[in-house]
Amino acid sequence: MKHHGLLDLNEAIQNPGVKLSFEVQTELPEEEDLDLIEPITGSIEAVCTGNALLINAKFKTKCVVECARCGEPLEKELAFEMEDDFAVEGVPSCYGSDGYAEVVCDEPYPLFKGNNLNPDLYSRQGLFVSMPDQPLCQFGWDGPCPNAAITEKLKDGGHPGMQILEQFRSEDNA
C-alpha cells in the first residue's frame, strides 16, 4: 500500500538482503522554529537482515542560526550522516509463510507507518542532533565583535532612549 510522502520499505523487510535506495528532499514544512535556506536533500539506503532494518542516510542543507556571542544571524551549511537499526518482528513473506514481517519502532514519535518510513521526521531527527551548539560569527569568541559590543552596551546602561523611558516608568511608580 502506497502512502503519500512516505518511503515504502516493505520490499526490503519482506526480502532480507534486498537493498533499497531513495533520493529525498524536504523543506520540513511543519517545523516553524527552523529557518532553512535550502531544502534538506540526500539519500537513504535500507536493507533488512531478517530481524533488523538497517538504514544509512546522508543529508545536507543550509540554514540560519544565531551567533552564540552576539545573536546575529548566520548562514551555516550542514552535512550529516545517520546510521540506525530498527527491530523487525514476524517472518518475512519471502519464506512462504502466511505472515509477514513488520518494523517495530520504539521512538517517542512515529517515524514509521507500517513498513513505510517518514523521511521528513527521520531527517529532522538527524538535523537537530547535528545543529552546532554554539555557532560563532566571523569574530569568534576572542576577536572584538562590534555586534557584541552593542549588545553589551545595551545590557550595561541600555539604549539612551530606553533610559529616558525607564525614568518615566520610575516616576509613575513613585
N, C-alpha and C. Protein backbone atom coordinates (compact mmCIF):
# COMPACT_ATOMS: atom_id res chain seq x y z
N MET A 1 0.84 -1.17 0.00
CA MET A 1 0.00 0.00 0.00
C MET A 1 0.89 1.24 0.00
N LYS A 2 0.66 2.16 -0.93
CA LYS A 2 1.43 3.39 -1.06
C LYS A 2 0.86 4.47 -0.15
N HIS A 3 1.74 5.17 0.53
CA HIS A 3 1.36 6.30 1.36
C HIS A 3 2.09 7.52 0.85
N HIS A 4 1.36 8.60 0.60
CA HIS A 4 1.94 9.82 0.07
C HIS A 4 2.98 10.38 1.04
N GLY A 5 4.17 10.67 0.53
CA GLY A 5 5.22 11.27 1.34
C GLY A 5 6.03 10.29 2.17
N LEU A 6 5.70 9.01 2.12
CA LEU A 6 6.41 8.00 2.89
C LEU A 6 7.24 7.12 1.97
N LEU A 7 8.32 6.55 2.49
CA LEU A 7 9.16 5.64 1.71
C LEU A 7 8.74 4.21 2.03
N ASP A 8 8.36 3.49 1.00
CA ASP A 8 7.89 2.11 1.16
C ASP A 8 9.10 1.17 1.28
N LEU A 9 9.33 0.65 2.49
CA LEU A 9 10.46 -0.25 2.74
C LEU A 9 10.02 -1.71 2.83
N ASN A 10 8.78 -1.98 2.49
CA ASN A 10 8.23 -3.32 2.65
C ASN A 10 8.99 -4.37 1.84
N GLU A 11 9.42 -4.02 0.63
CA GLU A 11 10.15 -4.99 -0.20
C GLU A 11 11.42 -5.46 0.50
N ALA A 12 12.15 -4.53 1.11
CA ALA A 12 13.38 -4.91 1.83
C ALA A 12 13.05 -5.72 3.08
N ILE A 13 11.99 -5.36 3.77
CA ILE A 13 11.64 -6.04 5.02
C ILE A 13 11.14 -7.46 4.76
N GLN A 14 10.41 -7.66 3.68
CA GLN A 14 9.88 -8.99 3.37
C GLN A 14 10.90 -9.86 2.63
N ASN A 15 11.99 -9.25 2.16
CA ASN A 15 13.04 -9.97 1.42
C ASN A 15 14.40 -9.61 1.99
N PRO A 16 14.81 -10.22 3.10
CA PRO A 16 16.10 -9.89 3.71
C PRO A 16 17.23 -9.94 2.69
N GLY A 17 18.09 -8.94 2.78
CA GLY A 17 19.23 -8.84 1.86
C GLY A 17 18.98 -7.89 0.70
N VAL A 18 17.74 -7.57 0.41
CA VAL A 18 17.42 -6.64 -0.68
C VAL A 18 17.68 -5.22 -0.19
N LYS A 19 18.49 -4.48 -0.96
CA LYS A 19 18.82 -3.10 -0.59
C LYS A 19 17.97 -2.13 -1.41
N LEU A 20 17.34 -1.19 -0.72
CA LEU A 20 16.55 -0.15 -1.39
C LEU A 20 17.24 1.20 -1.20
N SER A 21 17.22 2.02 -2.23
CA SER A 21 17.83 3.35 -2.18
C SER A 21 16.80 4.39 -2.61
N PHE A 22 16.80 5.51 -1.91
CA PHE A 22 15.87 6.60 -2.20
C PHE A 22 16.61 7.93 -2.16
N GLU A 23 16.26 8.81 -3.07
CA GLU A 23 16.71 10.20 -3.02
C GLU A 23 15.57 10.98 -2.37
N VAL A 24 15.91 11.83 -1.40
CA VAL A 24 14.88 12.57 -0.69
C VAL A 24 15.19 14.06 -0.69
N GLN A 25 14.13 14.84 -0.59
CA GLN A 25 14.23 16.29 -0.47
C GLN A 25 13.03 16.75 0.34
N THR A 26 13.29 17.56 1.36
CA THR A 26 12.21 18.07 2.18
C THR A 26 12.56 19.46 2.70
N GLU A 27 11.55 20.26 2.90
CA GLU A 27 11.72 21.59 3.48
C GLU A 27 11.21 21.62 4.92
N LEU A 28 10.81 20.47 5.45
CA LEU A 28 10.24 20.36 6.79
C LEU A 28 9.16 21.42 7.00
N PRO A 29 8.07 21.32 6.24
CA PRO A 29 7.04 22.36 6.27
C PRO A 29 6.37 22.54 7.63
N GLU A 30 6.37 21.53 8.47
CA GLU A 30 5.69 21.64 9.76
C GLU A 30 6.61 22.15 10.87
N GLU A 31 7.85 22.46 10.55
CA GLU A 31 8.82 22.91 11.54
C GLU A 31 8.90 24.43 11.49
N GLU A 32 8.26 25.11 12.43
CA GLU A 32 8.18 26.56 12.42
C GLU A 32 9.42 27.25 12.96
N ASP A 33 10.14 26.61 13.88
CA ASP A 33 11.29 27.24 14.53
C ASP A 33 12.59 27.07 13.78
N LEU A 34 12.54 26.51 12.62
CA LEU A 34 13.74 26.24 11.85
C LEU A 34 13.72 27.08 10.59
N ASP A 35 14.82 27.77 10.31
CA ASP A 35 14.90 28.65 9.15
C ASP A 35 15.84 28.03 8.12
N LEU A 36 15.27 27.20 7.22
CA LEU A 36 16.06 26.57 6.17
C LEU A 36 16.19 27.51 4.98
N ILE A 37 17.41 27.66 4.48
CA ILE A 37 17.65 28.44 3.26
C ILE A 37 17.50 27.52 2.06
N GLU A 38 17.97 26.29 2.21
CA GLU A 38 17.86 25.27 1.16
C GLU A 38 17.15 24.06 1.76
N PRO A 39 16.40 23.34 0.95
CA PRO A 39 15.77 22.12 1.47
C PRO A 39 16.82 21.09 1.89
N ILE A 40 16.42 20.20 2.76
CA ILE A 40 17.28 19.09 3.14
C ILE A 40 17.25 18.10 1.98
N THR A 41 18.41 17.79 1.43
CA THR A 41 18.50 16.82 0.33
C THR A 41 19.45 15.71 0.74
N GLY A 42 19.23 14.55 0.17
CA GLY A 42 20.13 13.45 0.47
C GLY A 42 19.61 12.12 -0.01
N SER A 43 20.20 11.07 0.54
CA SER A 43 19.83 9.73 0.13
C SER A 43 19.65 8.85 1.37
N ILE A 44 18.78 7.86 1.23
CA ILE A 44 18.53 6.89 2.28
C ILE A 44 18.65 5.50 1.66
N GLU A 45 19.42 4.63 2.31
CA GLU A 45 19.53 3.23 1.90
C GLU A 45 19.03 2.36 3.03
N ALA A 46 18.26 1.34 2.68
CA ALA A 46 17.70 0.44 3.69
C ALA A 46 17.90 -1.00 3.26
N VAL A 47 18.27 -1.85 4.23
CA VAL A 47 18.40 -3.28 4.00
C VAL A 47 17.97 -3.97 5.29
N CYS A 48 17.33 -5.12 5.14
CA CYS A 48 16.85 -5.87 6.29
C CYS A 48 17.68 -7.14 6.46
N THR A 49 18.00 -7.47 7.70
CA THR A 49 18.74 -8.69 8.00
C THR A 49 17.81 -9.85 8.35
N GLY A 50 16.54 -9.57 8.49
CA GLY A 50 15.57 -10.57 8.92
C GLY A 50 14.99 -10.19 10.27
N ASN A 51 15.86 -9.72 11.18
CA ASN A 51 15.35 -9.28 12.48
C ASN A 51 15.68 -7.82 12.77
N ALA A 52 16.33 -7.15 11.82
CA ALA A 52 16.63 -5.72 11.98
C ALA A 52 16.61 -5.03 10.62
N LEU A 53 16.09 -3.82 10.60
CA LEU A 53 16.12 -2.97 9.41
C LEU A 53 17.26 -1.98 9.62
N LEU A 54 18.24 -2.00 8.72
CA LEU A 54 19.39 -1.11 8.81
C LEU A 54 19.20 0.04 7.83
N ILE A 55 19.32 1.25 8.33
CA ILE A 55 19.15 2.44 7.50
C ILE A 55 20.40 3.29 7.58
N ASN A 56 20.93 3.65 6.42
CA ASN A 56 22.06 4.58 6.29
C ASN A 56 21.59 5.75 5.46
N ALA A 57 21.88 6.95 5.93
CA ALA A 57 21.42 8.14 5.23
C ALA A 57 22.50 9.22 5.24
N LYS A 58 22.51 10.02 4.20
CA LYS A 58 23.39 11.19 4.09
C LYS A 58 22.52 12.36 3.67
N PHE A 59 22.65 13.48 4.39
CA PHE A 59 21.85 14.66 4.11
C PHE A 59 22.73 15.91 4.13
N LYS A 60 22.22 16.96 3.47
CA LYS A 60 22.86 18.27 3.56
C LYS A 60 21.79 19.33 3.41
N THR A 61 22.09 20.50 3.98
CA THR A 61 21.18 21.64 3.89
C THR A 61 21.93 22.90 4.26
N LYS A 62 21.28 24.02 4.14
CA LYS A 62 21.83 25.31 4.59
C LYS A 62 20.72 25.97 5.39
N CYS A 63 21.07 26.46 6.60
CA CYS A 63 20.06 27.08 7.45
C CYS A 63 20.62 28.32 8.14
N VAL A 64 19.74 29.07 8.77
CA VAL A 64 20.12 30.26 9.51
C VAL A 64 20.11 29.92 11.00
N VAL A 65 21.20 30.24 11.68
CA VAL A 65 21.31 30.07 13.13
C VAL A 65 21.80 31.40 13.71
N GLU A 66 21.72 31.54 15.02
CA GLU A 66 22.17 32.77 15.67
C GLU A 66 23.56 32.57 16.27
N CYS A 67 24.39 33.61 16.16
CA CYS A 67 25.71 33.59 16.77
C CYS A 67 25.52 33.49 18.29
N ALA A 68 26.28 32.61 18.91
CA ALA A 68 26.17 32.41 20.35
C ALA A 68 26.69 33.61 21.14
N ARG A 69 27.50 34.43 20.51
CA ARG A 69 28.07 35.58 21.22
C ARG A 69 27.23 36.84 21.05
N CYS A 70 26.88 37.16 19.81
CA CYS A 70 26.21 38.45 19.57
C CYS A 70 24.77 38.32 19.10
N GLY A 71 24.35 37.13 18.75
CA GLY A 71 22.96 36.93 18.33
C GLY A 71 22.67 37.26 16.88
N GLU A 72 23.69 37.62 16.12
CA GLU A 72 23.50 37.93 14.70
C GLU A 72 23.17 36.65 13.92
N PRO A 73 22.33 36.76 12.88
CA PRO A 73 22.02 35.57 12.08
C PRO A 73 23.21 35.14 11.23
N LEU A 74 23.41 33.81 11.15
CA LEU A 74 24.50 33.24 10.38
C LEU A 74 23.95 32.17 9.44
N GLU A 75 24.48 32.12 8.24
CA GLU A 75 24.15 31.03 7.33
C GLU A 75 25.15 29.91 7.56
N LYS A 76 24.65 28.70 7.82
CA LYS A 76 25.52 27.55 8.05
C LYS A 76 25.14 26.41 7.11
N GLU A 77 26.15 25.83 6.48
CA GLU A 77 25.93 24.61 5.71
C GLU A 77 26.11 23.44 6.65
N LEU A 78 25.15 22.53 6.62
CA LEU A 78 25.21 21.35 7.48
C LEU A 78 25.17 20.10 6.61
N ALA A 79 26.07 19.21 6.87
CA ALA A 79 26.07 17.89 6.24
C ALA A 79 26.11 16.88 7.37
N PHE A 80 25.24 15.89 7.31
CA PHE A 80 25.20 14.91 8.39
C PHE A 80 24.83 13.54 7.85
N GLU A 81 25.32 12.52 8.55
CA GLU A 81 25.05 11.14 8.19
C GLU A 81 24.33 10.48 9.35
N MET A 82 23.50 9.51 9.03
CA MET A 82 22.75 8.78 10.05
C MET A 82 22.87 7.29 9.78
N GLU A 83 23.04 6.53 10.84
CA GLU A 83 23.03 5.07 10.78
C GLU A 83 22.13 4.59 11.90
N ASP A 84 21.06 3.92 11.55
CA ASP A 84 20.10 3.43 12.54
C ASP A 84 19.70 2.00 12.23
N ASP A 85 19.29 1.30 13.27
CA ASP A 85 18.70 -0.01 13.06
C ASP A 85 17.42 -0.09 13.88
N PHE A 86 16.41 -0.71 13.29
CA PHE A 86 15.09 -0.85 13.90
C PHE A 86 14.73 -2.32 13.94
N ALA A 87 14.14 -2.73 15.03
CA ALA A 87 13.76 -4.14 15.18
C ALA A 87 12.66 -4.51 14.18
N VAL A 88 12.74 -5.73 13.70
CA VAL A 88 11.72 -6.27 12.79
C VAL A 88 11.16 -7.54 13.45
N GLU A 89 9.85 -7.60 13.54
CA GLU A 89 9.20 -8.78 14.12
C GLU A 89 8.38 -9.48 13.04
N GLY A 90 8.25 -10.78 13.20
CA GLY A 90 7.49 -11.58 12.25
C GLY A 90 8.40 -12.29 11.27
N VAL A 91 7.80 -13.12 10.45
CA VAL A 91 8.54 -13.90 9.46
C VAL A 91 8.36 -13.24 8.10
N PRO A 92 9.47 -12.90 7.42
CA PRO A 92 9.34 -12.29 6.10
C PRO A 92 8.52 -13.15 5.15
N SER A 93 7.71 -12.51 4.34
CA SER A 93 6.81 -13.24 3.45
C SER A 93 7.56 -14.03 2.38
N CYS A 94 8.81 -13.73 2.10
CA CYS A 94 9.58 -14.47 1.10
C CYS A 94 9.82 -15.91 1.52
N TYR A 95 9.64 -16.22 2.81
CA TYR A 95 9.85 -17.57 3.29
C TYR A 95 8.60 -18.43 3.14
N GLY A 96 7.59 -17.89 2.49
CA GLY A 96 6.40 -18.66 2.16
C GLY A 96 5.45 -18.90 3.32
N SER A 97 5.58 -18.13 4.37
CA SER A 97 4.66 -18.28 5.50
C SER A 97 3.39 -17.47 5.23
N ASP A 98 2.43 -17.65 6.07
CA ASP A 98 1.19 -16.88 5.92
C ASP A 98 1.31 -15.50 6.56
N GLY A 99 2.41 -15.25 7.25
CA GLY A 99 2.59 -13.98 7.93
C GLY A 99 3.46 -13.03 7.15
N TYR A 100 3.83 -11.99 7.81
CA TYR A 100 4.73 -11.01 7.20
C TYR A 100 5.52 -10.33 8.31
N ALA A 101 6.62 -9.72 7.95
CA ALA A 101 7.48 -9.02 8.90
C ALA A 101 7.08 -7.55 8.95
N GLU A 102 7.29 -6.95 10.13
CA GLU A 102 6.93 -5.54 10.29
C GLU A 102 7.93 -4.85 11.22
N VAL A 103 8.22 -3.60 10.91
CA VAL A 103 9.14 -2.80 11.72
C VAL A 103 8.47 -2.47 13.05
N VAL A 104 9.24 -2.62 14.13
CA VAL A 104 8.78 -2.24 15.46
C VAL A 104 9.65 -1.06 15.89
N CYS A 105 9.05 0.10 15.95
CA CYS A 105 9.80 1.31 16.28
C CYS A 105 9.41 1.79 17.67
N ASP A 106 10.40 1.93 18.54
CA ASP A 106 10.13 2.36 19.90
C ASP A 106 10.44 3.84 20.12
N GLU A 107 10.46 4.61 19.04
CA GLU A 107 10.70 6.05 19.14
C GLU A 107 9.47 6.73 19.74
N PRO A 108 9.67 7.85 20.44
CA PRO A 108 8.53 8.54 21.05
C PRO A 108 7.60 9.23 20.03
N TYR A 109 8.06 9.37 18.81
CA TYR A 109 7.21 9.91 17.75
C TYR A 109 7.28 8.94 16.57
N PRO A 110 6.22 8.89 15.79
CA PRO A 110 6.10 7.85 14.76
C PRO A 110 6.95 8.09 13.51
N LEU A 111 8.11 7.44 13.44
CA LEU A 111 8.93 7.50 12.24
C LEU A 111 8.36 6.61 11.14
N PHE A 112 7.65 5.56 11.56
CA PHE A 112 7.11 4.59 10.62
C PHE A 112 5.59 4.55 10.68
N LYS A 113 5.00 4.29 9.54
CA LYS A 113 3.58 3.96 9.46
C LYS A 113 3.56 2.61 8.75
N GLY A 114 3.39 1.55 9.54
CA GLY A 114 3.55 0.21 8.99
C GLY A 114 5.01 0.02 8.63
N ASN A 115 5.28 -0.36 7.40
CA ASN A 115 6.66 -0.53 6.93
C ASN A 115 7.10 0.64 6.05
N ASN A 116 6.49 1.78 6.26
CA ASN A 116 6.79 2.98 5.49
C ASN A 116 7.47 4.01 6.39
N LEU A 117 8.62 4.50 5.97
CA LEU A 117 9.40 5.48 6.73
C LEU A 117 8.99 6.89 6.34
N ASN A 118 8.82 7.75 7.34
CA ASN A 118 8.54 9.16 7.08
C ASN A 118 9.89 9.88 6.96
N PRO A 119 10.29 10.27 5.74
CA PRO A 119 11.62 10.88 5.56
C PRO A 119 11.72 12.27 6.21
N ASP A 120 10.60 12.99 6.34
CA ASP A 120 10.64 14.30 6.98
C ASP A 120 11.02 14.16 8.45
N LEU A 121 10.35 13.26 9.15
CA LEU A 121 10.65 13.08 10.57
C LEU A 121 12.03 12.48 10.78
N TYR A 122 12.42 11.58 9.91
CA TYR A 122 13.73 10.95 10.03
C TYR A 122 14.86 11.97 9.83
N SER A 123 14.77 12.78 8.77
CA SER A 123 15.82 13.77 8.50
C SER A 123 15.80 14.88 9.56
N ARG A 124 14.63 15.22 10.07
CA ARG A 124 14.50 16.23 11.13
C ARG A 124 15.28 15.79 12.37
N GLN A 125 15.14 14.52 12.70
CA GLN A 125 15.83 13.96 13.87
C GLN A 125 17.34 14.14 13.72
N GLY A 126 17.87 13.80 12.57
CA GLY A 126 19.31 13.94 12.34
C GLY A 126 19.76 15.39 12.28
N LEU A 127 18.93 16.25 11.71
CA LEU A 127 19.28 17.66 11.60
C LEU A 127 19.44 18.30 12.97
N PHE A 128 18.48 18.07 13.85
CA PHE A 128 18.54 18.71 15.16
C PHE A 128 19.71 18.20 16.00
N VAL A 129 20.07 16.94 15.83
CA VAL A 129 21.23 16.41 16.55
C VAL A 129 22.52 17.00 15.98
N SER A 130 22.52 17.37 14.70
CA SER A 130 23.73 17.87 14.03
C SER A 130 23.88 19.39 14.09
N MET A 131 22.90 20.09 14.62
CA MET A 131 22.98 21.55 14.68
C MET A 131 24.16 21.95 15.57
N PRO A 132 24.89 23.01 15.19
CA PRO A 132 26.01 23.45 16.02
C PRO A 132 25.51 23.97 17.37
N ASP A 133 26.24 23.62 18.45
CA ASP A 133 25.85 24.05 19.79
C ASP A 133 26.03 25.55 19.99
N GLN A 134 27.18 26.05 19.59
CA GLN A 134 27.48 27.46 19.76
C GLN A 134 28.09 28.02 18.48
N PRO A 135 27.25 28.27 17.47
CA PRO A 135 27.80 28.82 16.23
C PRO A 135 28.31 30.24 16.48
N LEU A 136 29.40 30.58 15.82
CA LEU A 136 30.00 31.90 16.01
C LEU A 136 30.13 32.63 14.69
N CYS A 137 29.97 33.96 14.75
CA CYS A 137 30.16 34.79 13.57
C CYS A 137 31.66 34.89 13.27
N GLN A 138 32.02 35.71 12.32
CA GLN A 138 33.41 35.80 11.88
C GLN A 138 34.36 36.30 12.96
N PHE A 139 33.85 36.94 14.01
CA PHE A 139 34.71 37.49 15.06
C PHE A 139 35.05 36.46 16.14
N GLY A 140 34.30 35.37 16.21
CA GLY A 140 34.57 34.32 17.19
C GLY A 140 34.42 34.80 18.62
N TRP A 141 35.01 34.04 19.55
CA TRP A 141 34.94 34.41 20.97
C TRP A 141 35.99 35.45 21.34
N ASP A 142 37.15 35.43 20.66
CA ASP A 142 38.27 36.25 21.09
C ASP A 142 38.36 37.61 20.42
N GLY A 143 37.93 37.69 19.16
CA GLY A 143 38.06 38.94 18.43
C GLY A 143 37.06 39.99 18.90
N PRO A 144 37.37 41.27 18.67
CA PRO A 144 36.42 42.32 19.05
C PRO A 144 35.22 42.28 18.10
N CYS A 145 34.06 42.00 18.63
CA CYS A 145 32.85 41.89 17.81
C CYS A 145 32.01 43.15 17.98
N PRO A 146 31.82 43.94 16.92
CA PRO A 146 31.05 45.17 17.05
C PRO A 146 29.59 44.89 17.46
N ASN A 147 29.04 43.78 17.01
CA ASN A 147 27.67 43.45 17.38
C ASN A 147 27.57 43.10 18.86
N ALA A 148 28.56 42.37 19.38
CA ALA A 148 28.57 42.02 20.80
C ALA A 148 28.78 43.27 21.64
N ALA A 149 29.58 44.22 21.16
CA ALA A 149 29.82 45.46 21.89
C ALA A 149 28.52 46.24 22.05
N ILE A 150 27.72 46.30 21.01
CA ILE A 150 26.42 46.98 21.08
C ILE A 150 25.51 46.26 22.08
N THR A 151 25.50 44.94 22.02
CA THR A 151 24.68 44.15 22.94
C THR A 151 25.10 44.39 24.38
N GLU A 152 26.42 44.42 24.64
CA GLU A 152 26.93 44.65 25.99
C GLU A 152 26.56 46.06 26.47
N LYS A 153 26.65 47.05 25.57
CA LYS A 153 26.31 48.42 25.92
C LYS A 153 24.84 48.50 26.34
N LEU A 154 23.97 47.81 25.63
CA LEU A 154 22.55 47.82 25.95
C LEU A 154 22.30 47.13 27.29
N LYS A 155 23.07 46.09 27.59
CA LYS A 155 22.90 45.39 28.87
C LYS A 155 23.34 46.28 30.03
N ASP A 156 24.46 47.02 29.85
CA ASP A 156 25.00 47.83 30.93
C ASP A 156 24.08 49.00 31.29
N GLY A 157 23.90 49.89 30.35
CA GLY A 157 23.09 51.06 30.66
C GLY A 157 21.84 51.15 29.81
N GLY A 158 21.80 50.35 28.80
CA GLY A 158 20.66 50.39 27.91
C GLY A 158 20.79 51.51 26.89
N HIS A 159 19.94 51.47 25.93
CA HIS A 159 19.87 52.49 24.91
C HIS A 159 19.43 53.79 25.58
N PRO A 160 20.02 54.92 25.17
CA PRO A 160 19.67 56.19 25.83
C PRO A 160 18.16 56.47 25.81
N GLY A 161 17.52 56.16 24.72
CA GLY A 161 16.07 56.38 24.65
C GLY A 161 15.32 55.50 25.65
N MET A 162 15.80 54.30 25.85
CA MET A 162 15.16 53.40 26.81
C MET A 162 15.42 53.87 28.24
N GLN A 163 16.58 54.50 28.49
CA GLN A 163 16.86 55.02 29.82
C GLN A 163 15.88 56.13 30.18
N ILE A 164 15.57 56.99 29.20
CA ILE A 164 14.59 58.06 29.43
C ILE A 164 13.22 57.46 29.74
N LEU A 165 12.83 56.44 28.98
CA LEU A 165 11.54 55.79 29.25
C LEU A 165 11.52 55.15 30.62
N GLU A 166 12.64 54.59 31.06
CA GLU A 166 12.73 53.98 32.38
C GLU A 166 12.54 55.03 33.47
N GLN A 167 13.04 56.24 33.24
CA GLN A 167 12.84 57.32 34.21
C GLN A 167 11.36 57.64 34.36
N PHE A 168 10.63 57.70 33.23
CA PHE A 168 9.18 57.96 33.29
C PHE A 168 8.46 56.85 34.04
N ARG A 169 8.86 55.61 33.81
CA ARG A 169 8.22 54.50 34.49
C ARG A 169 8.50 54.57 35.99
N SER A 170 9.73 54.91 36.36
CA SER A 170 10.09 55.04 37.77
C SER A 170 9.30 56.14 38.45
N GLU A 171 9.09 57.26 37.75
CA GLU A 171 8.32 58.38 38.31
C GLU A 171 6.86 57.99 38.52
N ASP A 172 6.31 57.19 37.58
CA ASP A 172 4.90 56.76 37.71
C ASP A 172 4.71 55.82 38.88
N ASN A 173 5.71 55.00 39.18
CA ASN A 173 5.60 54.03 40.27
C ASN A 173 5.89 54.67 41.63
N ALA A 174 6.45 55.89 41.63
CA ALA A 174 6.80 56.55 42.91
C ALA A 174 5.62 57.21 43.57
